[in-house]
Amino acid sequence: MDYIQLFEWVRDHALTVASVLITLVLIYHYVIERDKAVKLSKKYRNSIFEAQSKIFLNASQYLIKGNKDLAIKELLNAVDLNRETIETYFALGGLFRVNGEIEKAISIHRSLIARDSISESTRLLALKELAQDFDKGGFIDKAIETYKDVLKINRDQQDVIMALCRIFEDIGDWDQAYSYRIMLSKVGQENQSETISHILVEKARSLFARGEYKACAEELEDAFRFSPSVSAKILRLRLYLVLGKMEDANALLLELLKEHPMYTTFIFVSLDEFNPKSADKEMYYERLDKLKTYFLGLNDIDLMTSPSVVLSKIRLLKDQHRTDAAFDLLDKWMKRHGQSEVLKVEFIKLLIEVGKVDEALSQTKGLLNNLHSSLTRHYCSQCGYNSDEIFWRCPQCHNWETIQFRWKV
């Protein structure tokens, strides 16, 4: 499990983590109260410790059962019993945040930061917790400011840098996202090259939409230096079409198909959906039609084993009203590789269009018998997020280039 996956696991299993922390607090207090020379009688110390032990045990049991409200109530009792127990405040603040009571969590962590008696390491921890409160509560500007305050004290806070990366990528501030990914690459062990490439592609995409093609090309060069990602190659393909570099466009398309045949449908959908400057629009789509003609003329045996390549050809032939050619191509392919349910759907559509209704009904019956529950076209290979839209960064787990095409409907 890499660092990012660990971070996501901790966030998604907050109750379990909180339960473990409560138990550790109990052990910590046992050791401290045993070794610490205090001016209370042994009998009184033991009575306080026994009361705290019972409270922490109850809180842990409530957490394990998923009852956050009762766990919070027990921790509030622990605070009333001993207001100097810093760890109890941290546990309580974390529980308030998990429970959605953000204002209470903020109040607790601010009160800890304001204490004169705590160590700098404890103050830093409270500041990180406060930043997470703002983050969870949707106070983005305050979260950013507080995370940055943490880094002013200690720049080697990998989880804090990761949080800032996520925020800036979520809001589309690609300059800041780039800066913090670079910082993360210096303090973390995970290679950030591919993600940085995607971020630079997003910057280049904005320049491209504004018609700043030279600047776009420069950003793309930087992206390729980090990693030749699929998104970078698709944007470069768009750039070639706008600039009229058809030989380069053909060569890049073939390279993409050879390296990533499964992305064929994404390539043409992306090229079709993208809308360049109005002044370049007509020429762009004329050149795109030439690129599609080049693609349809490719008869590479290896490429034709890919369902994505075949599906793209079928759809392009149908767009050109070449239904018979589309049917002949798919009919031959299905007889050799009939395992793709998505292509079966296309085949049934073509059967209807060429007038073979009885065969279409027969194929439909077989398809319905094997119909899967999910009808979305795309999904994330990391977390399973489903969508009909193309996404290079998963909206759910925030990983880049995990999109997969669903061949089984």
Protein backbone atom coordinates (compact mmCIF):
# COMPACT_ATOMS: atom_id res chain seq x y z
CA MET A 1 0.00 0.00 0.00
CA ASP A 2 1.61 3.34 -1.06
CA TYR A 3 1.44 6.56 0.95
CA ILE A 4 -1.54 8.03 -0.89
CA GLN A 5 -3.54 4.82 -0.50
CA LEU A 6 -2.63 4.77 3.22
CA PHE A 7 -3.81 8.37 3.58
CA GLU A 8 -7.13 7.52 1.90
CA TRP A 9 -7.53 4.38 4.08
CA VAL A 10 -6.98 6.34 7.30
CA ARG A 11 -9.53 8.95 6.19
CA ASP A 12 -12.11 6.30 5.28
CA HIS A 13 -11.60 4.33 8.52
CA ALA A 14 -11.62 7.23 10.95
CA LEU A 15 -13.69 5.37 13.55
CA THR A 16 -11.25 2.48 13.70
CA VAL A 17 -8.28 4.83 13.95
CA ALA A 18 -10.01 6.84 16.68
CA SER A 19 -10.71 3.66 18.62
CA VAL A 20 -7.06 2.66 18.52
CA LEU A 21 -6.01 6.15 19.58
CA ILE A 22 -8.34 6.05 22.59
CA THR A 23 -6.80 2.76 23.67
CA LEU A 24 -3.30 4.22 23.29
CA VAL A 25 -4.34 7.20 25.41
CA LEU A 26 -5.39 4.79 28.14
CA ILE A 27 -2.02 3.01 28.07
CA TYR A 28 -0.16 6.32 27.94
CA HIS A 29 -1.93 7.61 31.01
CA TYR A 30 -1.27 4.41 32.88
CA VAL A 31 2.49 4.79 32.33
CA ILE A 32 2.54 8.51 33.06
CA GLU A 33 0.44 8.30 36.19
CA ARG A 34 2.54 5.40 37.41
CA ASP A 35 5.93 7.06 36.92
CA LYS A 36 5.09 10.70 37.45
CA ALA A 37 5.85 12.13 40.90
CA VAL A 38 2.71 14.00 41.88
CA LYS A 39 1.66 15.45 45.20
CA LEU A 40 -1.49 13.43 45.46
CA SER A 41 -1.89 10.39 47.62
CA LYS A 42 -1.44 7.05 45.91
CA LYS A 43 -5.01 6.10 46.78
CA TYR A 44 -6.42 9.29 45.17
CA ARG A 45 -4.27 8.86 42.07
CA ASN A 46 -5.49 5.31 41.70
CA SER A 47 -9.12 6.38 42.02
CA ILE A 48 -8.69 8.98 39.25
CA PHE A 49 -6.89 6.48 37.06
CA GLU A 50 -9.57 3.85 37.59
CA ALA A 51 -12.29 6.36 36.69
CA GLN A 52 -10.41 7.45 33.57
CA SER A 53 -9.78 3.83 32.61
CA LYS A 54 -13.47 3.05 32.79
CA ILE A 55 -14.33 6.14 30.72
CA PHE A 56 -11.77 5.37 28.01
CA LEU A 57 -12.82 1.73 27.89
CA ASN A 58 -16.45 2.73 27.48
CA ALA A 59 -15.54 5.23 24.77
CA SER A 60 -13.53 2.58 22.89
CA GLN A 61 -16.43 0.14 23.06
CA TYR A 62 -18.86 2.74 21.76
CA LEU A 63 -16.52 3.54 18.87
CA ILE A 64 -16.16 -0.11 17.94
CA LYS A 65 -19.96 -0.37 17.87
CA GLY A 66 -20.13 2.78 15.71
CA ASN A 67 -21.91 4.89 18.33
CA LYS A 68 -19.99 8.17 18.04
CA ASP A 69 -22.42 10.23 20.12
CA LEU A 70 -22.01 8.07 23.24
CA ALA A 71 -18.24 7.92 22.72
CA ILE A 72 -18.15 11.72 22.66
CA LYS A 73 -20.22 11.83 25.83
CA GLU A 74 -17.73 9.56 27.62
CA LEU A 75 -14.78 11.68 26.49
CA LEU A 76 -16.50 14.82 27.74
CA ASN A 77 -16.74 13.07 31.11
CA ALA A 78 -13.00 12.39 30.93
CA VAL A 79 -12.32 16.09 30.30
CA ASP A 80 -14.44 17.03 33.32
CA LEU A 81 -12.46 14.58 35.44
CA ASN A 82 -9.05 15.87 34.36
CA ARG A 83 -8.81 19.00 32.22
CA GLU A 84 -5.05 18.68 31.80
CA THR A 85 -5.27 15.52 29.72
CA ILE A 86 -4.23 16.91 26.31
CA GLU A 87 -4.65 13.60 24.50
CA THR A 88 -8.30 13.44 25.52
CA TYR A 89 -8.92 16.79 23.84
CA PHE A 90 -7.27 15.54 20.66
CA ALA A 91 -9.40 12.39 20.68
CA LEU A 92 -12.52 14.43 21.37
CA GLY A 93 -11.74 16.95 18.63
CA GLY A 94 -11.15 14.15 16.14
CA LEU A 95 -14.45 12.54 17.06
CA PHE A 96 -16.33 15.81 16.66
CA ARG A 97 -14.83 16.15 13.16
CA VAL A 98 -15.73 12.59 12.19
CA ASN A 99 -19.23 13.17 13.56
CA GLY A 100 -19.65 16.28 11.39
CA GLU A 101 -19.62 18.69 14.35
CA ILE A 102 -16.97 20.87 12.76
CA GLU A 103 -17.46 24.01 14.85
CA LYS A 104 -16.92 22.05 18.06
CA ALA A 105 -13.79 20.40 16.64
CA ILE A 106 -12.46 23.82 15.61
CA SER A 107 -13.16 25.23 19.07
CA ILE A 108 -11.26 22.41 20.80
CA HIS A 109 -8.20 22.61 18.56
CA ARG A 110 -8.07 26.41 18.77
CA SER A 111 -8.19 26.16 22.58
CA LEU A 112 -5.23 23.77 22.50
CA ILE A 113 -3.21 26.08 20.24
CA ALA A 114 -3.87 28.99 22.63
CA ARG A 115 -2.44 27.14 25.67
CA ASP A 116 0.87 28.43 27.00
CA SER A 117 1.83 25.20 28.74
CA ILE A 118 1.94 22.82 25.75
CA SER A 119 5.06 21.86 23.82
CA GLU A 120 5.76 23.06 20.29
CA SER A 121 5.23 19.56 18.91
CA THR A 122 1.79 19.44 20.55
CA ARG A 123 0.96 22.91 19.20
CA LEU A 124 1.99 21.76 15.71
CA LEU A 125 -0.26 18.71 16.00
CA ALA A 126 -3.18 20.89 17.11
CA LEU A 127 -2.57 23.18 14.13
CA LYS A 128 -2.68 20.19 11.75
CA GLU A 129 -5.91 19.02 13.35
CA LEU A 130 -7.38 22.51 12.96
CA ALA A 131 -6.46 22.51 9.27
CA GLN A 132 -8.25 19.17 8.85
CA ASP A 133 -11.30 20.64 10.60
CA PHE A 134 -11.44 23.51 8.10
CA ASP A 135 -10.84 21.07 5.24
CA LYS A 136 -13.62 18.70 6.32
CA GLY A 137 -15.98 21.62 6.93
CA GLY A 138 -15.47 23.05 3.45
CA PHE A 139 -13.68 26.20 4.64
CA ILE A 140 -11.16 25.88 1.83
CA ASP A 141 -9.38 29.23 2.20
CA LYS A 142 -8.90 28.73 5.94
CA ALA A 143 -7.77 25.15 5.38
CA ILE A 144 -5.15 26.27 2.86
CA GLU A 145 -3.92 29.04 5.15
CA THR A 146 -3.67 26.71 8.16
CA TYR A 147 -1.96 23.91 6.24
CA LYS A 148 0.57 26.49 5.04
CA ASP A 149 1.08 27.64 8.65
CA VAL A 150 1.99 24.06 9.53
CA LEU A 151 4.57 23.96 6.73
CA LYS A 152 6.11 27.22 7.95
CA ILE A 153 6.94 25.40 11.17
CA ASN A 154 7.95 22.08 9.59
CA ARG A 155 8.17 21.64 5.81
CA ASP A 156 8.55 17.85 6.02
CA GLN A 157 4.87 17.21 6.71
CA GLN A 158 4.04 14.82 3.88
CA ASP A 159 0.37 14.43 4.75
CA VAL A 160 -0.08 18.21 4.87
CA ILE A 161 1.55 18.68 1.46
CA MET A 162 -0.64 15.91 0.08
CA ALA A 163 -3.73 17.65 1.44
CA LEU A 164 -2.73 20.89 -0.27
CA CYS A 165 -2.12 19.02 -3.54
CA ARG A 166 -5.61 17.56 -3.35
CA ILE A 167 -7.25 20.90 -2.60
CA PHE A 168 -5.51 22.81 -5.40
CA GLU A 169 -6.22 20.01 -7.89
CA ASP A 170 -9.87 19.99 -6.81
CA ILE A 171 -10.27 23.72 -7.39
CA GLY A 172 -8.20 23.71 -10.59
CA ASP A 173 -5.40 25.99 -9.35
CA TRP A 174 -2.79 24.21 -11.46
CA ASP A 175 0.11 26.57 -10.68
CA GLN A 176 -0.22 25.88 -6.95
CA ALA A 177 -0.93 22.19 -7.59
CA TYR A 178 2.31 21.98 -9.58
CA SER A 179 4.33 23.71 -6.83
CA TYR A 180 3.10 21.40 -4.09
CA ARG A 181 3.52 18.25 -6.19
CA ILE A 182 7.14 19.29 -6.71
CA MET A 183 7.45 19.79 -2.94
CA LEU A 184 5.84 16.39 -2.34
CA SER A 185 8.33 14.73 -4.69
CA LYS A 186 11.17 16.08 -2.53
CA VAL A 187 9.86 14.91 0.85
CA GLY A 188 8.01 11.72 -0.15
CA GLN A 189 9.14 8.41 -1.56
CA GLU A 190 6.45 8.10 -4.23
CA ASN A 191 7.33 9.14 -7.78
CA GLN A 192 5.19 12.16 -8.70
CA SER A 193 6.33 12.46 -12.34
CA GLU A 194 3.16 11.16 -13.96
CA THR A 195 0.88 13.29 -11.80
CA ILE A 196 3.01 16.39 -12.45
CA SER A 197 2.74 15.65 -16.17
CA HIS A 198 -1.07 15.60 -15.88
CA ILE A 199 -1.04 18.91 -14.01
CA LEU A 200 1.09 20.53 -16.71
CA VAL A 201 -1.32 19.14 -19.31
CA GLU A 202 -4.18 20.87 -17.49
CA LYS A 203 -2.24 24.14 -17.64
CA ALA A 204 -1.55 23.57 -21.34
CA ARG A 205 -5.22 22.79 -21.95
CA SER A 206 -6.22 26.20 -20.61
CA LEU A 207 -3.69 27.90 -22.90
CA PHE A 208 -4.92 25.88 -25.86
CA ALA A 209 -8.54 26.90 -25.23
CA ARG A 210 -7.44 30.54 -25.33
CA GLY A 211 -5.59 30.03 -28.61
CA GLU A 212 -2.16 30.50 -27.04
CA TYR A 213 -0.68 27.61 -29.00
CA LYS A 214 3.00 28.47 -28.56
CA ALA A 215 2.67 28.65 -24.79
CA CYS A 216 0.60 25.47 -24.88
CA ALA A 217 3.37 23.66 -26.76
CA GLU A 218 5.94 24.83 -24.19
CA GLU A 219 3.86 23.52 -21.28
CA LEU A 220 3.43 20.22 -23.13
CA GLU A 221 7.19 19.93 -23.56
CA ASP A 222 7.56 20.25 -19.80
CA ALA A 223 4.82 17.64 -19.30
CA PHE A 224 6.62 15.17 -21.57
CA ARG A 225 9.87 15.71 -19.67
CA PHE A 226 8.16 14.45 -16.53
CA SER A 227 6.14 11.65 -18.15
CA PRO A 228 4.66 11.02 -21.64
CA SER A 229 1.15 10.53 -20.26
CA VAL A 230 -1.83 9.62 -22.46
CA SER A 231 -3.51 12.96 -21.74
CA ALA A 232 -0.34 14.80 -22.84
CA LYS A 233 -0.25 12.90 -26.12
CA ILE A 234 -3.94 13.53 -26.83
CA LEU A 235 -3.51 17.26 -26.28
CA ARG A 236 -0.44 17.29 -28.52
CA LEU A 237 -2.55 15.53 -31.15
CA ARG A 238 -5.10 18.34 -30.91
CA LEU A 239 -2.31 20.87 -31.25
CA TYR A 240 -1.04 19.17 -34.42
CA LEU A 241 -4.54 19.33 -35.90
CA VAL A 242 -4.88 23.06 -35.22
CA LEU A 243 -1.41 23.77 -36.61
CA GLY A 244 -2.00 21.61 -39.69
CA LYS A 245 0.83 19.15 -38.95
CA MET A 246 -0.99 16.16 -40.40
CA GLU A 247 2.02 13.88 -40.81
CA ASP A 248 2.93 14.43 -37.17
CA ALA A 249 -0.72 13.88 -36.19
CA ASN A 250 -0.90 10.58 -38.09
CA ALA A 251 2.37 9.37 -36.58
CA LEU A 252 1.31 10.34 -33.05
CA LEU A 253 -2.09 8.67 -33.45
CA LEU A 254 -0.44 5.43 -34.56
CA GLU A 255 1.97 5.64 -31.63
CA LEU A 256 -0.92 6.11 -29.21
CA LEU A 257 -2.85 3.20 -30.71
CA LYS A 258 0.18 0.90 -30.53
CA GLU A 259 1.02 1.82 -26.93
CA HIS A 260 -2.51 2.24 -25.53
CA PRO A 261 -5.10 0.58 -27.81
CA MET A 262 -7.65 0.51 -24.96
CA TYR A 263 -7.75 4.33 -25.02
CA THR A 264 -8.85 4.49 -28.68
CA THR A 265 -12.44 5.41 -27.86
CA PHE A 266 -11.22 8.11 -25.44
CA ILE A 267 -8.97 9.60 -28.12
CA PHE A 268 -11.74 10.19 -30.66
CA VAL A 269 -14.35 11.20 -28.11
CA SER A 270 -11.87 13.74 -26.71
CA LEU A 271 -11.03 15.08 -30.15
CA ASP A 272 -14.72 15.40 -31.06
CA GLU A 273 -15.76 17.05 -27.81
CA PHE A 274 -12.98 19.57 -27.76
CA ASN A 275 -13.94 22.96 -29.17
CA PRO A 276 -11.00 25.17 -30.20
CA LYS A 277 -11.21 28.91 -30.85
CA SER A 278 -14.10 29.72 -33.18
CA ALA A 279 -11.69 31.08 -35.80
CA ASP A 280 -9.93 27.69 -35.97
CA LYS A 281 -13.02 25.53 -35.64
CA GLU A 282 -13.82 24.77 -39.28
CA MET A 283 -10.22 23.96 -40.21
CA TYR A 284 -9.78 21.87 -37.07
CA TYR A 285 -12.70 19.58 -37.89
CA GLU A 286 -11.67 19.25 -41.54
CA ARG A 287 -8.28 18.00 -40.40
CA LEU A 288 -9.92 15.77 -37.78
CA ASP A 289 -11.94 14.14 -40.57
CA LYS A 290 -8.67 13.41 -42.41
CA LEU A 291 -7.22 11.89 -39.24
CA LYS A 292 -10.29 9.66 -38.92
CA THR A 293 -9.93 8.57 -42.56
CA TYR A 294 -6.30 7.66 -41.87
CA PHE A 295 -7.40 5.64 -38.83
CA LEU A 296 -10.10 3.78 -40.77
CA GLY A 297 -7.48 2.82 -43.36
CA LEU A 298 -5.23 1.15 -40.80
CA ASN A 299 -5.31 -2.64 -41.11
CA ASP A 300 -2.77 -3.57 -38.48
CA ILE A 301 -3.49 -7.14 -37.30
CA ASP A 302 -2.42 -6.48 -33.71
CA LEU A 303 -4.54 -3.35 -33.46
CA MET A 304 -7.61 -5.14 -34.76
CA THR A 305 -7.56 -7.53 -31.79
CA SER A 306 -8.44 -4.60 -29.50
CA PRO A 307 -12.20 -4.13 -28.83
CA SER A 308 -11.62 -0.40 -28.34
CA VAL A 309 -10.04 -0.03 -31.79
CA VAL A 310 -12.84 -1.99 -33.43
CA LEU A 311 -15.54 -0.09 -31.55
CA SER A 312 -14.05 3.22 -32.66
CA LYS A 313 -13.93 2.10 -36.28
CA ILE A 314 -17.55 0.91 -36.13
CA ARG A 315 -18.75 4.23 -34.72
CA LEU A 316 -16.78 6.28 -37.24
CA LEU A 317 -18.15 4.21 -40.14
CA LYS A 318 -21.69 4.71 -38.83
CA ASP A 319 -21.07 8.47 -38.55
CA GLN A 320 -20.12 8.41 -42.24
CA HIS A 321 -23.35 6.46 -43.01
CA ARG A 322 -21.29 3.44 -44.10
CA THR A 323 -23.54 1.01 -42.27
CA ASP A 324 -22.83 -2.01 -44.50
CA ALA A 325 -19.06 -1.60 -44.05
CA ALA A 326 -19.53 -1.29 -40.30
CA PHE A 327 -21.67 -4.43 -40.22
CA ASP A 328 -19.20 -6.48 -42.29
CA LEU A 329 -16.30 -5.41 -40.07
CA LEU A 330 -18.10 -6.19 -36.81
CA ASP A 331 -19.65 -9.41 -38.10
CA LYS A 332 -16.21 -10.81 -38.93
CA TRP A 333 -14.77 -9.61 -35.62
CA MET A 334 -17.60 -11.10 -33.53
CA LYS A 335 -17.14 -14.49 -35.16
CA ARG A 336 -13.51 -14.46 -34.04
CA HIS A 337 -13.66 -12.61 -30.70
CA GLY A 338 -17.28 -12.57 -29.48
CA GLN A 339 -16.54 -11.86 -25.81
CA SER A 340 -17.28 -8.14 -25.64
CA GLU A 341 -20.83 -7.26 -24.56
CA VAL A 342 -20.35 -3.62 -25.56
CA LEU A 343 -19.60 -4.73 -29.10
CA LYS A 344 -22.61 -7.07 -28.96
CA VAL A 345 -24.78 -4.01 -28.32
CA GLU A 346 -23.27 -2.31 -31.38
CA PHE A 347 -23.78 -5.50 -33.36
CA ILE A 348 -27.48 -5.66 -32.45
CA LYS A 349 -27.90 -2.02 -33.53
CA LEU A 350 -26.28 -2.80 -36.88
CA LEU A 351 -28.42 -5.90 -37.37
CA ILE A 352 -31.51 -3.72 -37.02
CA GLU A 353 -30.12 -1.08 -39.39
CA VAL A 354 -29.36 -3.64 -42.13
CA GLY A 355 -32.80 -5.23 -41.72
CA LYS A 356 -31.86 -8.48 -39.93
CA VAL A 357 -34.49 -8.04 -37.21
CA ASP A 358 -34.95 -11.72 -36.31
CA GLU A 359 -31.24 -12.18 -35.71
CA ALA A 360 -31.20 -8.94 -33.71
CA LEU A 361 -33.95 -10.30 -31.43
CA SER A 362 -32.04 -13.54 -30.94
CA GLN A 363 -28.83 -11.68 -30.05
CA THR A 364 -30.75 -9.38 -27.71
CA LYS A 365 -32.18 -12.33 -25.78
CA GLY A 366 -28.71 -13.74 -25.23
CA LEU A 367 -27.37 -10.36 -24.18
CA LEU A 368 -30.16 -9.78 -21.65
CA ASN A 369 -29.45 -13.12 -20.03
CA ASN A 370 -25.91 -11.96 -19.27
CA LEU A 371 -26.68 -8.32 -18.56
CA HIS A 372 -24.59 -6.84 -15.75
CA SER A 373 -25.93 -4.40 -13.20
CA SER A 374 -23.79 -1.42 -14.16
CA LEU A 375 -24.50 0.41 -17.40
CA THR A 376 -21.91 3.17 -17.06
CA ARG A 377 -19.26 3.28 -19.76
CA HIS A 378 -16.22 4.13 -17.63
CA TYR A 379 -14.91 3.22 -14.19
CA CYS A 380 -11.87 3.89 -12.01
CA SER A 381 -9.52 0.90 -11.70
CA GLN A 382 -8.49 2.03 -8.20
CA CYS A 383 -11.76 2.73 -6.38
CA GLY A 384 -14.48 1.57 -8.81
CA TYR A 385 -16.00 5.04 -9.39
CA ASN A 386 -18.48 4.89 -12.29
CA SER A 387 -19.23 7.57 -14.88
CA ASP A 388 -20.29 8.04 -18.47
CA GLU A 389 -17.93 11.00 -18.69
CA ILE A 390 -14.21 10.77 -19.45
CA PHE A 391 -12.09 11.64 -16.41
CA TRP A 392 -8.30 11.72 -16.20
CA ARG A 393 -8.37 12.38 -12.43
CA CYS A 394 -10.86 10.26 -10.51
CA PRO A 395 -13.35 12.51 -8.64
CA GLN A 396 -13.61 9.95 -5.84
CA CYS A 397 -10.10 8.68 -5.04
CA HIS A 398 -8.22 11.54 -6.78
CA ASN A 399 -5.83 9.20 -8.61
CA TRP A 400 -4.75 10.13 -12.13
CA GLU A 401 -5.22 8.10 -15.33
CA THR A 402 -7.07 5.20 -13.70
CA ILE A 403 -10.02 5.34 -16.10
CA GLN A 404 -11.07 2.08 -17.74
CA PHE A 405 -13.64 1.36 -20.43
CA ARG A 406 -16.35 -1.10 -19.37
CA TRP A 407 -16.44 -3.83 -21.97
CA LYS A 408 -19.16 -5.69 -20.14
CA VAL A 409 -22.42 -3.76 -19.75
